[in-house]
Amino acid sequence: MPIYEYKCTQCGFTFDVLQKLSDPPIRKCTKCSGVTNKVISASGLVFKGSGWYITDYANKGKAKDEK
């Protein structure tokens, strides 16, 4: 389930909510009961392990050139 970030238009309070995709958006602020809007925020994404360009393919050309 994704985490959605909301911001109140009246008090400016921001809060995160874990919701299903099918759940309706939250309309009231949890702090002041004002109107809220969904905020678009950057997600944290980290590529770890083998199979990524940096770990597997970037160094193969350098190894051949050094020999």
PDB file of N, CA and C in Angstrom:
ATOM      1  N   MET A   1       0.838  -1.180   0.000  1.00  0.00           N
ATOM      2  CA  MET A   1       0.000   0.000   0.000  1.00  0.00           C
ATOM      3  C   MET A   1       0.884   1.247   0.000  1.00  0.00           C
ATOM      4  N   PRO A   2       0.527   2.216  -0.797  1.00  0.00           N
ATOM      5  CA  PRO A   2       1.335   3.443  -0.863  1.00  0.00           C
ATOM      6  C   PRO A   2       1.062   4.375   0.318  1.00  0.00           C
ATOM      7  N   ILE A   3       2.037   5.214   0.582  1.00  0.00           N
ATOM      8  CA  ILE A   3       1.911   6.248   1.600  1.00  0.00           C
ATOM      9  C   ILE A   3       1.646   7.566   0.888  1.00  0.00           C
ATOM     10  N   TYR A   4       0.549   8.232   1.248  1.00  0.00           N
ATOM     11  CA  TYR A   4       0.189   9.512   0.650  1.00  0.00           C
ATOM     12  C   TYR A   4       0.464  10.631   1.644  1.00  0.00           C
ATOM     13  N   GLU A   5       0.917  11.758   1.125  1.00  0.00           N
ATOM     14  CA  GLU A   5       1.179  12.927   1.950  1.00  0.00           C
ATOM     15  C   GLU A   5       0.091  13.963   1.676  1.00  0.00           C
ATOM     16  N   TYR A   6      -0.453  14.527   2.736  1.00  0.00           N
ATOM     17  CA  TYR A   6      -1.497  15.539   2.639  1.00  0.00           C
ATOM     18  C   TYR A   6      -1.033  16.813   3.337  1.00  0.00           C
ATOM     19  N   LYS A   7      -1.533  17.949   2.851  1.00  0.00           N
ATOM     20  CA  LYS A   7      -1.218  19.239   3.466  1.00  0.00           C
ATOM     21  C   LYS A   7      -2.513  20.024   3.637  1.00  0.00           C
ATOM     22  N   CYS A   8      -2.692  20.600   4.815  1.00  0.00           N
ATOM     23  CA  CYS A   8      -3.875  21.387   5.109  1.00  0.00           C
ATOM     24  C   CYS A   8      -3.725  22.777   4.494  1.00  0.00           C
ATOM     25  N   THR A   9      -4.800  23.272   3.864  1.00  0.00           N
ATOM     26  CA  THR A   9      -4.759  24.601   3.247  1.00  0.00           C
ATOM     27  C   THR A   9      -4.952  25.710   4.272  1.00  0.00           C
ATOM     28  N   GLN A  10      -5.473  25.377   5.456  1.00  0.00           N
ATOM     29  CA  GLN A  10      -5.723  26.397   6.470  1.00  0.00           C
ATOM     30  C   GLN A  10      -4.559  26.562   7.444  1.00  0.00           C
ATOM     31  N   CYS A  11      -4.100  25.453   8.055  1.00  0.00           N
ATOM     32  CA  CYS A  11      -3.035  25.571   9.075  1.00  0.00           C
ATOM     33  C   CYS A  11      -1.657  25.182   8.542  1.00  0.00           C
ATOM     34  N   GLY A  12      -1.574  24.571   7.352  1.00  0.00           N
ATOM     35  CA  GLY A  12      -0.297  24.195   6.767  1.00  0.00           C
ATOM     36  C   GLY A  12       0.280  22.897   7.308  1.00  0.00           C
ATOM     37  N   PHE A  13      -0.440  22.192   8.151  1.00  0.00           N
ATOM     38  CA  PHE A  13       0.013  20.927   8.738  1.00  0.00           C
ATOM     39  C   PHE A  13       0.112  19.859   7.656  1.00  0.00           C
ATOM     40  N   THR A  14       1.217  19.125   7.636  1.00  0.00           N
ATOM     41  CA  THR A  14       1.381  18.015   6.689  1.00  0.00           C
ATOM     42  C   THR A  14       1.402  16.699   7.459  1.00  0.00           C
ATOM     43  N   PHE A  15       0.788  15.678   6.873  1.00  0.00           N
ATOM     44  CA  PHE A  15       0.750  14.365   7.506  1.00  0.00           C
ATOM     45  C   PHE A  15       0.728  13.287   6.434  1.00  0.00           C
ATOM     46  N   ASP A  16       1.198  12.100   6.806  1.00  0.00           N
ATOM     47  CA  ASP A  16       1.274  10.951   5.911  1.00  0.00           C
ATOM     48  C   ASP A  16       0.211   9.930   6.305  1.00  0.00           C
ATOM     49  N   VAL A  17      -0.358   9.280   5.299  1.00  0.00           N
ATOM     50  CA  VAL A  17      -1.385   8.268   5.538  1.00  0.00           C
ATOM     51  C   VAL A  17      -1.099   7.058   4.650  1.00  0.00           C
ATOM     52  N   LEU A  18      -1.138   5.878   5.237  1.00  0.00           N
ATOM     53  CA  LEU A  18      -0.996   4.626   4.498  1.00  0.00           C
ATOM     54  C   LEU A  18      -2.387   4.234   4.020  1.00  0.00           C
ATOM     55  N   GLN A  19      -2.595   4.256   2.685  1.00  0.00           N
ATOM     56  CA  GLN A  19      -3.916   4.000   2.129  1.00  0.00           C
ATOM     57  C   GLN A  19      -3.841   3.024   0.970  1.00  0.00           C
ATOM     58  N   LYS A  20      -4.952   2.367   0.726  1.00  0.00           N
ATOM     59  CA  LYS A  20      -5.096   1.551  -0.475  1.00  0.00           C
ATOM     60  C   LYS A  20      -5.318   2.482  -1.658  1.00  0.00           C
ATOM     61  N   LEU A  21      -5.069   2.000  -2.859  1.00  0.00           N
ATOM     62  CA  LEU A  21      -5.336   2.792  -4.054  1.00  0.00           C
ATOM     63  C   LEU A  21      -6.820   3.090  -4.221  1.00  0.00           C
ATOM     64  N   SER A  22      -7.660   2.181  -3.743  1.00  0.00           N
ATOM     65  CA  SER A  22      -9.106   2.345  -3.893  1.00  0.00           C
ATOM     66  C   SER A  22      -9.734   3.223  -2.809  1.00  0.00           C
ATOM     67  N   ASP A  23      -8.983   3.574  -1.757  1.00  0.00           N
ATOM     68  CA  ASP A  23      -9.527   4.419  -0.694  1.00  0.00           C
ATOM     69  C   ASP A  23      -9.743   5.843  -1.197  1.00  0.00           C
ATOM     70  N   PRO A  24     -10.815   6.485  -0.729  1.00  0.00           N
ATOM     71  CA  PRO A  24     -11.035   7.877  -1.133  1.00  0.00           C
ATOM     72  C   PRO A  24     -10.011   8.800  -0.461  1.00  0.00           C
ATOM     73  N   PRO A  25      -9.667   9.920  -1.096  1.00  0.00           N
ATOM     74  CA  PRO A  25      -8.698  10.832  -0.482  1.00  0.00           C
ATOM     75  C   PRO A  25      -9.263  11.476   0.783  1.00  0.00           C
ATOM     76  N   ILE A  26      -8.374  11.825   1.690  1.00  0.00           N
ATOM     77  CA  ILE A  26      -8.779  12.466   2.940  1.00  0.00           C
ATOM     78  C   ILE A  26      -9.075  13.931   2.654  1.00  0.00           C
ATOM     79  N   ARG A  27     -10.217  14.400   3.116  1.00  0.00           N
ATOM     80  CA  ARG A  27     -10.654  15.775   2.844  1.00  0.00           C
ATOM     81  C   ARG A  27     -10.459  16.718   4.028  1.00  0.00           C
ATOM     82  N   LYS A  28     -10.378  16.178   5.263  1.00  0.00           N
ATOM     83  CA  LYS A  28     -10.273  17.020   6.453  1.00  0.00           C
ATOM     84  C   LYS A  28      -8.921  16.826   7.130  1.00  0.00           C
ATOM     85  N   CYS A  29      -8.354  17.921   7.606  1.00  0.00           N
ATOM     86  CA  CYS A  29      -7.090  17.904   8.341  1.00  0.00           C
ATOM     87  C   CYS A  29      -7.295  17.197   9.678  1.00  0.00           C
ATOM     88  N   THR A  30      -6.320  16.408  10.094  1.00  0.00           N
ATOM     89  CA  THR A  30      -6.410  15.696  11.366  1.00  0.00           C
ATOM     90  C   THR A  30      -6.164  16.625  12.555  1.00  0.00           C
ATOM     91  N   LYS A  31      -5.638  17.806  12.293  1.00  0.00           N
ATOM     92  CA  LYS A  31      -5.315  18.748  13.369  1.00  0.00           C
ATOM     93  C   LYS A  31      -6.410  19.802  13.560  1.00  0.00           C
ATOM     94  N   CYS A  32      -6.863  20.446  12.470  1.00  0.00           N
ATOM     95  CA  CYS A  32      -7.808  21.566  12.593  1.00  0.00           C
ATOM     96  C   CYS A  32      -9.119  21.350  11.833  1.00  0.00           C
ATOM     97  N   SER A  33      -9.280  20.218  11.164  1.00  0.00           N
ATOM     98  CA  SER A  33     -10.467  19.890  10.359  1.00  0.00           C
ATOM     99  C   SER A  33     -10.619  20.782   9.133  1.00  0.00           C
ATOM    100  N   GLY A  34      -9.523  21.418   8.689  1.00  0.00           N
ATOM    101  CA  GLY A  34      -9.551  22.219   7.473  1.00  0.00           C
ATOM    102  C   GLY A  34      -9.483  21.348   6.235  1.00  0.00           C
ATOM    103  N   VAL A  35      -9.545  21.961   5.074  1.00  0.00           N
ATOM    104  CA  VAL A  35      -9.506  21.254   3.796  1.00  0.00           C
ATOM    105  C   VAL A  35      -8.060  20.844   3.485  1.00  0.00           C
ATOM    106  N   THR A  36      -7.882  19.602   3.002  1.00  0.00           N
ATOM    107  CA  THR A  36      -6.540  19.103   2.681  1.00  0.00           C
ATOM    108  C   THR A  36      -6.407  18.827   1.188  1.00  0.00           C
ATOM    109  N   ASN A  37      -5.167  18.816   0.732  1.00  0.00           N
ATOM    110  CA  ASN A  37      -4.816  18.457  -0.643  1.00  0.00           C
ATOM    111  C   ASN A  37      -3.699  17.436  -0.605  1.00  0.00           C
ATOM    112  N   LYS A  38      -3.707  16.532  -1.600  1.00  0.00           N
ATOM    113  CA  LYS A  38      -2.588  15.594  -1.731  1.00  0.00           C
ATOM    114  C   LYS A  38      -1.363  16.351  -2.216  1.00  0.00           C
ATOM    115  N   VAL A  39      -0.209  15.988  -1.678  1.00  0.00           N
ATOM    116  CA  VAL A  39       1.056  16.606  -2.058  1.00  0.00           C
ATOM    117  C   VAL A  39       1.862  15.587  -2.855  1.00  0.00           C
ATOM    118  N   ILE A  40       2.426  16.016  -3.967  1.00  0.00           N
ATOM    119  CA  ILE A  40       3.301  15.138  -4.744  1.00  0.00           C
ATOM    120  C   ILE A  40       4.700  15.270  -4.166  1.00  0.00           C
ATOM    121  N   SER A  41       5.257  14.170  -3.722  1.00  0.00           N
ATOM    122  CA  SER A  41       6.590  14.194  -3.117  1.00  0.00           C
ATOM    123  C   SER A  41       7.458  13.119  -3.748  1.00  0.00           C
ATOM    124  N   ALA A  42       8.748  13.306  -3.636  1.00  0.00           N
ATOM    125  CA  ALA A  42       9.712  12.351  -4.195  1.00  0.00           C
ATOM    126  C   ALA A  42       9.739  11.079  -3.355  1.00  0.00           C
ATOM    127  N   SER A  43       9.843   9.974  -4.025  1.00  0.00           N
ATOM    128  CA  SER A  43       9.933   8.702  -3.314  1.00  0.00           C
ATOM    129  C   SER A  43      11.391   8.298  -3.157  1.00  0.00           C
ATOM    130  N   GLY A  44      11.668   7.533  -2.139  1.00  0.00           N
ATOM    131  CA  GLY A  44      13.016   7.028  -1.929  1.00  0.00           C
ATOM    132  C   GLY A  44      13.214   5.746  -2.700  1.00  0.00           C
ATOM    133  N   LEU A  45      14.190   5.725  -3.583  1.00  0.00           N
ATOM    134  CA  LEU A  45      14.426   4.560  -4.414  1.00  0.00           C
ATOM    135  C   LEU A  45      15.926   4.292  -4.447  1.00  0.00           C
ATOM    136  N   VAL A  46      16.325   3.108  -4.021  1.00  0.00           N
ATOM    137  CA  VAL A  46      17.731   2.739  -3.974  1.00  0.00           C
ATOM    138  C   VAL A  46      17.920   1.436  -4.735  1.00  0.00           C
ATOM    139  N   PHE A  47      18.868   1.418  -5.667  1.00  0.00           N
ATOM    140  CA  PHE A  47      19.183   0.207  -6.421  1.00  0.00           C
ATOM    141  C   PHE A  47      20.347  -0.496  -5.739  1.00  0.00           C
ATOM    142  N   LYS A  48      20.103  -1.697  -5.232  1.00  0.00           N
ATOM    143  CA  LYS A  48      21.140  -2.455  -4.548  1.00  0.00           C
ATOM    144  C   LYS A  48      21.286  -3.823  -5.202  1.00  0.00           C
ATOM    145  N   GLY A  49      22.452  -4.403  -5.061  1.00  0.00           N
ATOM    146  CA  GLY A  49      22.677  -5.750  -5.556  1.00  0.00           C
ATOM    147  C   GLY A  49      23.190  -5.766  -6.977  1.00  0.00           C
ATOM    148  N   SER A  50      23.322  -6.955  -7.512  1.00  0.00           N
ATOM    149  CA  SER A  50      23.834  -7.092  -8.867  1.00  0.00           C
ATOM    150  C   SER A  50      22.698  -6.923  -9.871  1.00  0.00           C
ATOM    151  N   GLY A  51      23.062  -6.668 -11.109  1.00  0.00           N
ATOM    152  CA  GLY A  51      22.073  -6.525 -12.153  1.00  0.00           C
ATOM    153  C   GLY A  51      21.824  -5.098 -12.567  1.00  0.00           C
ATOM    154  N   TRP A  52      22.507  -4.146 -11.973  1.00  0.00           N
ATOM    155  CA  TRP A  52      22.330  -2.737 -12.313  1.00  0.00           C
ATOM    156  C   TRP A  52      23.533  -2.251 -13.093  1.00  0.00           C
ATOM    157  N   TYR A  53      23.363  -1.265 -13.895  1.00  0.00           N
ATOM    158  CA  TYR A  53      24.402  -0.761 -14.782  1.00  0.00           C
ATOM    159  C   TYR A  53      25.678  -0.406 -14.025  1.00  0.00           C
ATOM    160  N   ILE A  54      25.563   0.280 -12.926  1.00  0.00           N
ATOM    161  CA  ILE A  54      26.746   0.752 -12.203  1.00  0.00           C
ATOM    162  C   ILE A  54      27.568  -0.414 -11.669  1.00  0.00           C
ATOM    163  N   THR A  55      26.926  -1.460 -11.176  1.00  0.00           N
ATOM    164  CA  THR A  55      27.663  -2.565 -10.568  1.00  0.00           C
ATOM    165  C   THR A  55      28.124  -3.613 -11.577  1.00  0.00           C
ATOM    166  N   ASP A  56      27.414  -3.780 -12.681  1.00  0.00           N
ATOM    167  CA  ASP A  56      27.743  -4.877 -13.593  1.00  0.00           C
ATOM    168  C   ASP A  56      28.380  -4.444 -14.905  1.00  0.00           C
ATOM    169  N   TYR A  57      27.852  -3.412 -15.526  1.00  0.00           N
ATOM    170  CA  TYR A  57      28.273  -3.092 -16.881  1.00  0.00           C
ATOM    171  C   TYR A  57      29.301  -1.969 -16.971  1.00  0.00           C
ATOM    172  N   ALA A  58      29.335  -1.085 -16.007  1.00  0.00           N
ATOM    173  CA  ALA A  58      30.220   0.080 -16.094  1.00  0.00           C
ATOM    174  C   ALA A  58      31.688  -0.324 -16.009  1.00  0.00           C
ATOM    175  N   ASN A  59      32.013  -1.339 -15.247  1.00  0.00           N
ATOM    176  CA  ASN A  59      33.406  -1.717 -15.039  1.00  0.00           C
ATOM    177  C   ASN A  59      33.922  -2.740 -16.042  1.00  0.00           C
ATOM    178  N   LYS A  60      33.101  -3.366 -16.837  1.00  0.00           N
ATOM    179  CA  LYS A  60      33.553  -4.384 -17.787  1.00  0.00           C
ATOM    180  C   LYS A  60      34.419  -3.792 -18.890  1.00  0.00           C
ATOM    181  N   GLY A  61      34.074  -2.644 -19.390  1.00  0.00           N
ATOM    182  CA  GLY A  61      34.868  -1.998 -20.433  1.00  0.00           C
ATOM    183  C   GLY A  61      36.213  -1.527 -19.922  1.00  0.00           C
ATOM    184  N   LYS A  62      36.271  -1.083 -18.680  1.00  0.00           N
ATOM    185  CA  LYS A  62      37.528  -0.612 -18.090  1.00  0.00           C
ATOM    186  C   LYS A  62      38.516  -1.752 -17.878  1.00  0.00           C
ATOM    187  N   ALA A  63      38.002  -2.917 -17.501  1.00  0.00           N
ATOM    188  CA  ALA A  63      38.874  -4.062 -17.256  1.00  0.00           C
ATOM    189  C   ALA A  63      39.545  -4.512 -18.548  1.00  0.00           C
ATOM    190  N   LYS A  64      38.870  -4.457 -19.670  1.00  0.00           N
ATOM    191  CA  LYS A  64      39.451  -4.860 -20.954  1.00  0.00           C
ATOM    192  C   LYS A  64      40.492  -3.846 -21.417  1.00  0.00           C
ATOM    193  N   ASP A  65      40.253  -2.563 -21.172  1.00  0.00           N
ATOM    194  CA  ASP A  65      41.193  -1.534 -21.578  1.00  0.00           C
ATOM    195  C   ASP A  65      42.486  -1.566 -20.773  1.00  0.00           C
ATOM    196  N   GLU A  66      42.389  -1.965 -19.500  1.00  0.00           N
ATOM    197  CA  GLU A  66      43.571  -1.990 -18.638  1.00  0.00           C
ATOM    198  C   GLU A  66      44.511  -3.137 -18.972  1.00  0.00           C
ATOM    199  N   LYS A  67      43.987  -4.229 -19.547  1.00  0.00           N
ATOM    200  CA  LYS A  67      44.813  -5.383 -19.881  1.00  0.00           C
ATOM    201  C   LYS A  67      45.607  -5.037 -21.107  1.00  0.00           C
TER     202      LYS A  67
END
